Structures are given as C-alpha cells and as structure tokens.
Amino acid sequence: MISDFIVQHPCGPFFSLSDAKYDKAVEKFPSLSSSDDLNYVQNSATAGINVGVEGYFNNEVILSQFERLFQLVSFKQDFEGHQFEV
C-alpha cells in the first residue's frame, strides 16, 4: 500500500528531491535518515507498507509523513522562497 502526496505544480505531480538536495535536507534535519516502520521512496515523503506484514497508516504515521514532506519541500528549487504554515 502506498501513501503519497500529489502537488499541483509544473515540476510534476509527485514530490521528490534530487540526491544533492536530499543530502542538504538531511544535514538540516538528521531525522530524515532515521529508519521507522515505513519504507520511503528515495528522496521523497512517499511511503509504502506491506499490508498485514508491517506498519499501518494510522494518524501518527500520516502526521509524521506530513512532517517529512514539510521538511523536504523547502529544499525543492521550485518551492524555494515560499512560506509554509502548519
């Protein structure tokens, strides 16, 4: 099962960072490199689980996924200079 974010922007419908931008994000937010019950798609906030085997998409998991998205989004060139309020 996949949980993803779709962004309505010319950069594409699905959110991800380049390797260089992701490395900068990890420098600022070391928690991005920590492992948890979710399998994140490389350089993104897209997460997957194997149903019945591991993890669940409960409220806590979805909130942590949003937190990860908002940590990453400021490093996306197309969104630089924007202010996000959570």
C-alpha atoms as a PDB file:
ATOM      1  CA  MET A   1       0.000   0.000   0.000  1.00  0.00           C
ATOM      2  CA  ILE A   2       1.328   3.464  -0.918  1.00  0.00           C
ATOM      3  CA  SER A   3       0.685   6.822   0.723  1.00  0.00           C
ATOM      4  CA  ASP A   4       1.721   9.735  -1.493  1.00  0.00           C
ATOM      5  CA  PHE A   5       1.396  13.478  -1.945  1.00  0.00           C
ATOM      6  CA  ILE A   6       0.340  14.954  -5.249  1.00  0.00           C
ATOM      7  CA  VAL A   7       1.370  18.549  -5.865  1.00  0.00           C
ATOM      8  CA  GLN A   8      -0.262  20.697  -8.483  1.00  0.00           C
ATOM      9  CA  HIS A   9       2.832  22.307  -9.919  1.00  0.00           C
ATOM     10  CA  PRO A  10       4.637  22.239 -13.284  1.00  0.00           C
ATOM     11  CA  CYS A  11       7.577  20.399 -11.652  1.00  0.00           C
ATOM     12  CA  GLY A  12       5.450  17.262 -11.700  1.00  0.00           C
ATOM     13  CA  PRO A  13       2.591  15.620  -9.882  1.00  0.00           C
ATOM     14  CA  PHE A  14       4.687  13.673  -7.343  1.00  0.00           C
ATOM     15  CA  PHE A  15       7.131  15.238  -4.888  1.00  0.00           C
ATOM     16  CA  SER A  16      10.793  14.203  -4.675  1.00  0.00           C
ATOM     17  CA  LEU A  17      14.237  15.802  -4.400  1.00  0.00           C
ATOM     18  CA  SER A  18      17.487  15.295  -6.275  1.00  0.00           C
ATOM     19  CA  ASP A  19      20.247  13.443  -4.399  1.00  0.00           C
ATOM     20  CA  ALA A  20      22.157  16.687  -3.759  1.00  0.00           C
ATOM     21  CA  LYS A  21      19.094  18.492  -2.387  1.00  0.00           C
ATOM     22  CA  TYR A  22      18.154  15.489  -0.243  1.00  0.00           C
ATOM     23  CA  ASP A  23      21.656  15.418   1.255  1.00  0.00           C
ATOM     24  CA  LYS A  24      21.283  19.098   2.203  1.00  0.00           C
ATOM     25  CA  ALA A  25      17.900  18.354   3.772  1.00  0.00           C
ATOM     26  CA  VAL A  26      19.404  15.509   5.834  1.00  0.00           C
ATOM     27  CA  GLU A  27      22.145  17.866   7.063  1.00  0.00           C
ATOM     28  CA  LYS A  28      19.473  20.223   8.400  1.00  0.00           C
ATOM     29  CA  PHE A  29      17.024  17.513   9.521  1.00  0.00           C
ATOM     30  CA  PRO A  30      19.002  14.380  10.545  1.00  0.00           C
ATOM     31  CA  SER A  31      15.739  12.621  11.430  1.00  0.00           C
ATOM     32  CA  LEU A  32      15.109  12.210   7.685  1.00  0.00           C
ATOM     33  CA  SER A  33      17.750   9.478   7.587  1.00  0.00           C
ATOM     34  CA  SER A  34      16.403   7.554  10.590  1.00  0.00           C
ATOM     35  CA  SER A  35      14.519   4.368   9.904  1.00  0.00           C
ATOM     36  CA  ASP A  36      10.993   3.629  11.065  1.00  0.00           C
ATOM     37  CA  ASP A  37       8.171   1.282  10.097  1.00  0.00           C
ATOM     38  CA  LEU A  38       7.652   2.973   6.731  1.00  0.00           C
ATOM     39  CA  ASN A  39       9.540   2.306   3.520  1.00  0.00           C
ATOM     40  CA  TYR A  40      10.077   5.728   1.966  1.00  0.00           C
ATOM     41  CA  VAL A  41      10.670   6.096  -1.758  1.00  0.00           C
ATOM     42  CA  GLN A  42      14.144   7.537  -2.243  1.00  0.00           C
ATOM     43  CA  ASN A  43      14.369  11.319  -1.615  1.00  0.00           C
ATOM     44  CA  SER A  44      10.646  11.750  -1.014  1.00  0.00           C
ATOM     45  CA  ALA A  45       7.827  11.656   1.510  1.00  0.00           C
ATOM     46  CA  THR A  46       6.101   8.849  -0.408  1.00  0.00           C
ATOM     47  CA  ALA A  47       5.784   5.857   1.901  1.00  0.00           C
ATOM     48  CA  GLY A  48       4.845   2.243   1.439  1.00  0.00           C
ATOM     49  CA  ILE A  49       3.950  -0.682   3.672  1.00  0.00           C
ATOM     50  CA  ASN A  50       3.255  -4.344   3.100  1.00  0.00           C
ATOM     51  CA  VAL A  51      -0.318  -4.807   4.269  1.00  0.00           C
ATOM     52  CA  GLY A  52      -0.634  -7.356   7.044  1.00  0.00           C
ATOM     53  CA  VAL A  53       3.119  -7.625   7.486  1.00  0.00           C
ATOM     54  CA  GLU A  54       4.389  -4.293   8.765  1.00  0.00           C
ATOM     55  CA  GLY A  55       3.167  -0.898   9.919  1.00  0.00           C
ATOM     56  CA  TYR A  56      -0.132   0.840   9.405  1.00  0.00           C
ATOM     57  CA  PHE A  57      -1.169   4.209   8.003  1.00  0.00           C
ATOM     58  CA  ASN A  58      -2.687   5.458  11.253  1.00  0.00           C
ATOM     59  CA  ASN A  59      -2.946   9.114  12.278  1.00  0.00           C
ATOM     60  CA  GLU A  60       0.508   9.188  13.857  1.00  0.00           C
ATOM     61  CA  VAL A  61       2.130   7.775  10.724  1.00  0.00           C
ATOM     62  CA  ILE A  62       0.328  10.202   8.412  1.00  0.00           C
ATOM     63  CA  LEU A  63       1.340  13.144  10.627  1.00  0.00           C
ATOM     64  CA  SER A  64       4.984  12.043  10.551  1.00  0.00           C
ATOM     65  CA  GLN A  65       4.742  11.718   6.776  1.00  0.00           C
ATOM     66  CA  PHE A  66       3.435  15.301   6.534  1.00  0.00           C
ATOM     67  CA  GLU A  67       6.257  16.458   8.820  1.00  0.00           C
ATOM     68  CA  ARG A  68       8.753  14.796   6.483  1.00  0.00           C
ATOM     69  CA  LEU A  69       7.120  16.471   3.462  1.00  0.00           C
ATOM     70  CA  PHE A  70       7.342  19.923   5.050  1.00  0.00           C
ATOM     71  CA  GLN A  71      10.987  19.320   5.986  1.00  0.00           C
ATOM     72  CA  LEU A  72      11.806  18.344   2.404  1.00  0.00           C
ATOM     73  CA  VAL A  73       9.701  20.866   0.485  1.00  0.00           C
ATOM     74  CA  SER A  74      11.862  23.865   1.405  1.00  0.00           C
ATOM     75  CA  PHE A  75      14.778  22.231  -0.444  1.00  0.00           C
ATOM     76  CA  LYS A  76      12.861  21.834  -3.713  1.00  0.00           C
ATOM     77  CA  GLN A  77      14.023  24.601  -6.063  1.00  0.00           C
ATOM     78  CA  ASP A  78      10.505  25.161  -7.370  1.00  0.00           C
ATOM     79  CA  PHE A  79       9.269  25.937  -3.853  1.00  0.00           C
ATOM     80  CA  GLU A  80      12.244  27.955  -2.525  1.00  0.00           C
ATOM     81  CA  GLY A  81      11.230  31.261  -1.006  1.00  0.00           C
ATOM     82  CA  HIS A  82       7.702  30.079  -0.204  1.00  0.00           C
ATOM     83  CA  GLN A  83       6.449  30.108   3.356  1.00  0.00           C
ATOM     84  CA  PHE A  84       4.519  27.114   4.627  1.00  0.00           C
ATOM     85  CA  GLU A  85       2.368  27.323   7.697  1.00  0.00           C
ATOM     86  CA  VAL A  86       1.473  24.143   9.508  1.00  0.00           C
END
